[in-house]
Amino acid sequence: MSDATSTPPLSDASSPANRAVLTRFAPLLAFDLDVLIVVIFAVIGRASHAEVLDVPGVWSTAWPFLVGLALSWAATRAWRRPLGVVWPGLVLWVGTVGIGMLLRLATGDGAAVPFIIVATITLAVFLLGWRGIAALVRRLRRSSAGSR
């Protein structure tokens, strides 16, 4: 049985306790989401070319971009502002694609122009898209909290 003084649900970001939890774990959640997005990108790419969707196959496609993502997170110190669309979002996107493509070329994998274009657009939509949605949600919550 729950009473009115119990802890508010985590979805209620307005409570100080929940804000503290969300702030503390936001960098980890953002990094995990970015990693998941890169893996999904690799799975979609492999599936669209009827390639095997096993762990080694997905890893062979994803690893250069995951390295690019990790290096970009470190270079931008993205954990300080993990939800930023412009900073660090744009740099994370460009770094993920750029370093990923360079690593593919350095290891003998291809980087044909159509692949570069598709990867650049897809990773922009994925890496910047969720950050844009998060920014919109934060803005809407602030404006609705201000009108109360």
C-alpha atoms as a PDB file:
ATOM      1  CA  MET A   1       0.000   0.000   0.000  1.00  0.00           C
ATOM      2  CA  SER A   2       1.390   3.375  -0.973  1.00  0.00           C
ATOM      3  CA  ASP A   3       0.698   6.713   0.663  1.00  0.00           C
ATOM      4  CA  ALA A   4       0.936  10.271  -0.653  1.00  0.00           C
ATOM      5  CA  THR A   5       4.341  10.829   0.990  1.00  0.00           C
ATOM      6  CA  SER A   6       6.091   8.043  -0.905  1.00  0.00           C
ATOM      7  CA  THR A   7       8.814   8.822  -3.419  1.00  0.00           C
ATOM      8  CA  PRO A   8       7.402  10.162  -6.697  1.00  0.00           C
ATOM      9  CA  PRO A   9       7.818   8.010  -9.797  1.00  0.00           C
ATOM     10  CA  LEU A  10      11.085   8.474 -11.692  1.00  0.00           C
ATOM     11  CA  SER A  11       9.142   9.931 -14.601  1.00  0.00           C
ATOM     12  CA  ASP A  12       8.397  12.929 -12.369  1.00  0.00           C
ATOM     13  CA  ALA A  13      11.625  14.768 -13.115  1.00  0.00           C
ATOM     14  CA  SER A  14      10.395  17.774 -11.162  1.00  0.00           C
ATOM     15  CA  SER A  15      11.187  16.250  -7.763  1.00  0.00           C
ATOM     16  CA  PRO A  16      14.652  17.165  -6.465  1.00  0.00           C
ATOM     17  CA  ALA A  17      15.529  13.532  -5.707  1.00  0.00           C
ATOM     18  CA  ASN A  18      14.613  12.373  -9.200  1.00  0.00           C
ATOM     19  CA  ARG A  19      16.434  15.310 -10.810  1.00  0.00           C
ATOM     20  CA  ALA A  20      19.567  14.306  -8.896  1.00  0.00           C
ATOM     21  CA  VAL A  21      19.293  10.688 -10.029  1.00  0.00           C
ATOM     22  CA  LEU A  22      18.651  11.675 -13.642  1.00  0.00           C
ATOM     23  CA  THR A  23      21.540  14.154 -13.603  1.00  0.00           C
ATOM     24  CA  ARG A  24      23.911  11.596 -12.108  1.00  0.00           C
ATOM     25  CA  PHE A  25      23.078   8.861 -14.589  1.00  0.00           C
ATOM     26  CA  ALA A  26      22.453  10.985 -17.704  1.00  0.00           C
ATOM     27  CA  PRO A  27      26.026  10.616 -19.026  1.00  0.00           C
ATOM     28  CA  LEU A  28      25.977   6.836 -18.669  1.00  0.00           C
ATOM     29  CA  LEU A  29      22.530   6.543 -20.214  1.00  0.00           C
ATOM     30  CA  ALA A  30      23.480   8.880 -23.078  1.00  0.00           C
ATOM     31  CA  PHE A  31      26.672   6.931 -23.817  1.00  0.00           C
ATOM     32  CA  ASP A  32      24.808   3.624 -23.684  1.00  0.00           C
ATOM     33  CA  LEU A  33      22.141   4.981 -26.028  1.00  0.00           C
ATOM     34  CA  ASP A  34      24.825   6.211 -28.449  1.00  0.00           C
ATOM     35  CA  VAL A  35      26.474   2.773 -28.412  1.00  0.00           C
ATOM     36  CA  LEU A  36      23.122   1.084 -28.982  1.00  0.00           C
ATOM     37  CA  ILE A  37      22.430   3.448 -31.876  1.00  0.00           C
ATOM     38  CA  VAL A  38      25.733   2.601 -33.572  1.00  0.00           C
ATOM     39  CA  VAL A  39      25.025  -1.120 -33.160  1.00  0.00           C
ATOM     40  CA  ILE A  40      21.517  -0.648 -34.599  1.00  0.00           C
ATOM     41  CA  PHE A  41      23.081   1.261 -37.505  1.00  0.00           C
ATOM     42  CA  ALA A  42      25.370  -1.733 -38.148  1.00  0.00           C
ATOM     43  CA  VAL A  43      22.496  -4.218 -37.918  1.00  0.00           C
ATOM     44  CA  ILE A  44      20.345  -2.191 -40.324  1.00  0.00           C
ATOM     45  CA  GLY A  45      23.241  -1.886 -42.763  1.00  0.00           C
ATOM     46  CA  ARG A  46      24.018  -5.592 -42.675  1.00  0.00           C
ATOM     47  CA  ALA A  47      20.349  -6.517 -43.007  1.00  0.00           C
ATOM     48  CA  SER A  48      19.874  -4.219 -45.993  1.00  0.00           C
ATOM     49  CA  HIS A  49      22.678  -6.085 -47.778  1.00  0.00           C
ATOM     50  CA  ALA A  50      21.422  -9.530 -46.709  1.00  0.00           C
ATOM     51  CA  GLU A  51      24.564 -10.118 -44.651  1.00  0.00           C
ATOM     52  CA  VAL A  52      24.640 -12.475 -41.683  1.00  0.00           C
ATOM     53  CA  LEU A  53      23.334 -10.856 -38.500  1.00  0.00           C
ATOM     54  CA  ASP A  54      25.492 -12.761 -36.038  1.00  0.00           C
ATOM     55  CA  VAL A  55      27.573 -11.137 -33.298  1.00  0.00           C
ATOM     56  CA  PRO A  56      30.917 -11.370 -35.159  1.00  0.00           C
ATOM     57  CA  GLY A  57      29.381  -9.897 -38.309  1.00  0.00           C
ATOM     58  CA  VAL A  58      27.695  -7.016 -36.506  1.00  0.00           C
ATOM     59  CA  TRP A  59      30.881  -6.390 -34.512  1.00  0.00           C
ATOM     60  CA  SER A  60      32.983  -6.272 -37.695  1.00  0.00           C
ATOM     61  CA  THR A  61      30.690  -3.573 -39.060  1.00  0.00           C
ATOM     62  CA  ALA A  62      30.183  -1.611 -35.843  1.00  0.00           C
ATOM     63  CA  TRP A  63      33.625  -1.560 -34.207  1.00  0.00           C
ATOM     64  CA  PRO A  64      35.205   1.253 -36.263  1.00  0.00           C
ATOM     65  CA  PHE A  65      32.240   3.500 -35.529  1.00  0.00           C
ATOM     66  CA  LEU A  66      32.194   2.495 -31.853  1.00  0.00           C
ATOM     67  CA  VAL A  67      35.872   3.455 -31.598  1.00  0.00           C
ATOM     68  CA  GLY A  68      35.062   6.756 -33.301  1.00  0.00           C
ATOM     69  CA  LEU A  69      32.211   7.318 -30.880  1.00  0.00           C
ATOM     70  CA  ALA A  70      34.336   6.510 -27.818  1.00  0.00           C
ATOM     71  CA  LEU A  71      37.192   8.753 -28.949  1.00  0.00           C
ATOM     72  CA  SER A  72      34.730  11.544 -29.697  1.00  0.00           C
ATOM     73  CA  TRP A  73      33.123  11.179 -26.268  1.00  0.00           C
ATOM     74  CA  ALA A  74      36.584  11.466 -24.687  1.00  0.00           C
ATOM     75  CA  ALA A  75      37.697  14.375 -26.867  1.00  0.00           C
ATOM     76  CA  THR A  76      34.554  16.414 -26.175  1.00  0.00           C
ATOM     77  CA  ARG A  77      34.181  15.314 -22.553  1.00  0.00           C
ATOM     78  CA  ALA A  78      30.604  14.637 -23.519  1.00  0.00           C
ATOM     79  CA  TRP A  79      29.786  13.361 -20.036  1.00  0.00           C
ATOM     80  CA  ARG A  80      29.719  17.021 -18.929  1.00  0.00           C
ATOM     81  CA  ARG A  81      26.798  17.827 -21.245  1.00  0.00           C
ATOM     82  CA  PRO A  82      25.651  14.497 -22.704  1.00  0.00           C
ATOM     83  CA  LEU A  83      22.328  15.728 -24.057  1.00  0.00           C
ATOM     84  CA  GLY A  84      23.666  18.700 -26.003  1.00  0.00           C
ATOM     85  CA  VAL A  85      22.677  18.704 -29.660  1.00  0.00           C
ATOM     86  CA  VAL A  86      25.268  21.179 -30.922  1.00  0.00           C
ATOM     87  CA  TRP A  87      27.972  20.521 -28.327  1.00  0.00           C
ATOM     88  CA  PRO A  88      28.863  17.723 -28.064  1.00  0.00           C
ATOM     89  CA  GLY A  89      26.275  16.186 -30.423  1.00  0.00           C
ATOM     90  CA  LEU A  90      27.651  17.534 -33.700  1.00  0.00           C
ATOM     91  CA  VAL A  91      31.218  16.608 -32.790  1.00  0.00           C
ATOM     92  CA  LEU A  92      30.160  13.126 -31.669  1.00  0.00           C
ATOM     93  CA  TRP A  93      28.404  12.601 -35.001  1.00  0.00           C
ATOM     94  CA  VAL A  94      31.272  13.901 -37.160  1.00  0.00           C
ATOM     95  CA  GLY A  95      33.857  12.043 -35.081  1.00  0.00           C
ATOM     96  CA  THR A  96      31.925   8.778 -35.148  1.00  0.00           C
ATOM     97  CA  VAL A  97      31.559   8.886 -38.928  1.00  0.00           C
ATOM     98  CA  GLY A  98      35.005  10.324 -39.701  1.00  0.00           C
ATOM     99  CA  ILE A  99      37.043   8.070 -37.428  1.00  0.00           C
ATOM    100  CA  GLY A 100      34.868   5.092 -38.323  1.00  0.00           C
ATOM    101  CA  MET A 101      35.489   5.590 -42.035  1.00  0.00           C
ATOM    102  CA  LEU A 102      39.225   6.117 -41.529  1.00  0.00           C
ATOM    103  CA  LEU A 103      39.449   2.921 -39.492  1.00  0.00           C
ATOM    104  CA  ARG A 104      37.510   1.006 -42.139  1.00  0.00           C
ATOM    105  CA  LEU A 105      39.961   2.213 -44.775  1.00  0.00           C
ATOM    106  CA  ALA A 106      43.003   1.527 -42.577  1.00  0.00           C
ATOM    107  CA  THR A 107      41.891  -2.071 -41.992  1.00  0.00           C
ATOM    108  CA  GLY A 108      41.087  -2.802 -45.619  1.00  0.00           C
ATOM    109  CA  ASP A 109      37.320  -2.462 -45.436  1.00  0.00           C
ATOM    110  CA  GLY A 110      35.612  -0.392 -48.045  1.00  0.00           C
ATOM    111  CA  ALA A 111      34.284   3.122 -47.742  1.00  0.00           C
ATOM    112  CA  ALA A 112      32.510   3.706 -51.028  1.00  0.00           C
ATOM    113  CA  VAL A 113      30.976   7.148 -51.514  1.00  0.00           C
ATOM    114  CA  PRO A 114      27.354   5.867 -51.282  1.00  0.00           C
ATOM    115  CA  PHE A 115      28.209   4.133 -47.991  1.00  0.00           C
ATOM    116  CA  ILE A 116      29.797   7.307 -46.619  1.00  0.00           C
ATOM    117  CA  ILE A 117      26.701   9.313 -47.571  1.00  0.00           C
ATOM    118  CA  VAL A 118      24.259   6.813 -46.075  1.00  0.00           C
ATOM    119  CA  ALA A 119      26.313   6.382 -42.896  1.00  0.00           C
ATOM    120  CA  THR A 120      26.672  10.142 -42.463  1.00  0.00           C
ATOM    121  CA  ILE A 121      22.956  10.801 -42.866  1.00  0.00           C
ATOM    122  CA  THR A 122      21.831   7.816 -40.797  1.00  0.00           C
ATOM    123  CA  LEU A 123      24.166   8.517 -37.900  1.00  0.00           C
ATOM    124  CA  ALA A 124      23.184  12.216 -37.983  1.00  0.00           C
ATOM    125  CA  VAL A 125      19.518  11.315 -37.687  1.00  0.00           C
ATOM    126  CA  PHE A 126      20.229   8.777 -34.939  1.00  0.00           C
ATOM    127  CA  LEU A 127      22.868  10.575 -32.829  1.00  0.00           C
ATOM    128  CA  LEU A 128      21.453  14.070 -33.190  1.00  0.00           C
ATOM    129  CA  GLY A 129      17.812  13.023 -33.408  1.00  0.00           C
ATOM    130  CA  TRP A 130      17.465  11.578 -29.940  1.00  0.00           C
ATOM    131  CA  ARG A 131      19.285  14.587 -28.494  1.00  0.00           C
ATOM    132  CA  GLY A 132      16.912  16.924 -30.341  1.00  0.00           C
ATOM    133  CA  ILE A 133      13.915  15.045 -28.994  1.00  0.00           C
ATOM    134  CA  ALA A 134      15.373  15.196 -25.469  1.00  0.00           C
ATOM    135  CA  ALA A 135      15.930  18.962 -25.835  1.00  0.00           C
ATOM    136  CA  LEU A 136      12.338  19.427 -27.008  1.00  0.00           C
ATOM    137  CA  VAL A 137      10.989  17.383 -24.086  1.00  0.00           C
ATOM    138  CA  ARG A 138      13.080  19.410 -21.607  1.00  0.00           C
ATOM    139  CA  ARG A 139      11.880  22.672 -23.156  1.00  0.00           C
ATOM    140  CA  LEU A 140       8.233  21.565 -23.035  1.00  0.00           C
ATOM    141  CA  ARG A 141       8.578  20.437 -19.420  1.00  0.00           C
ATOM    142  CA  ARG A 142      10.152  23.756 -18.444  1.00  0.00           C
ATOM    143  CA  SER A 143       7.429  25.751 -20.173  1.00  0.00           C
ATOM    144  CA  SER A 144       4.653  23.661 -18.628  1.00  0.00           C
ATOM    145  CA  ALA A 145       6.269  23.903 -15.179  1.00  0.00           C
ATOM    146  CA  GLY A 146       6.518  27.676 -15.597  1.00  0.00           C
ATOM    147  CA  SER A 147       2.829  27.974 -16.450  1.00  0.00           C
ATOM    148  CA  ARG A 148       1.672  26.208 -13.284  1.00  0.00           C
END
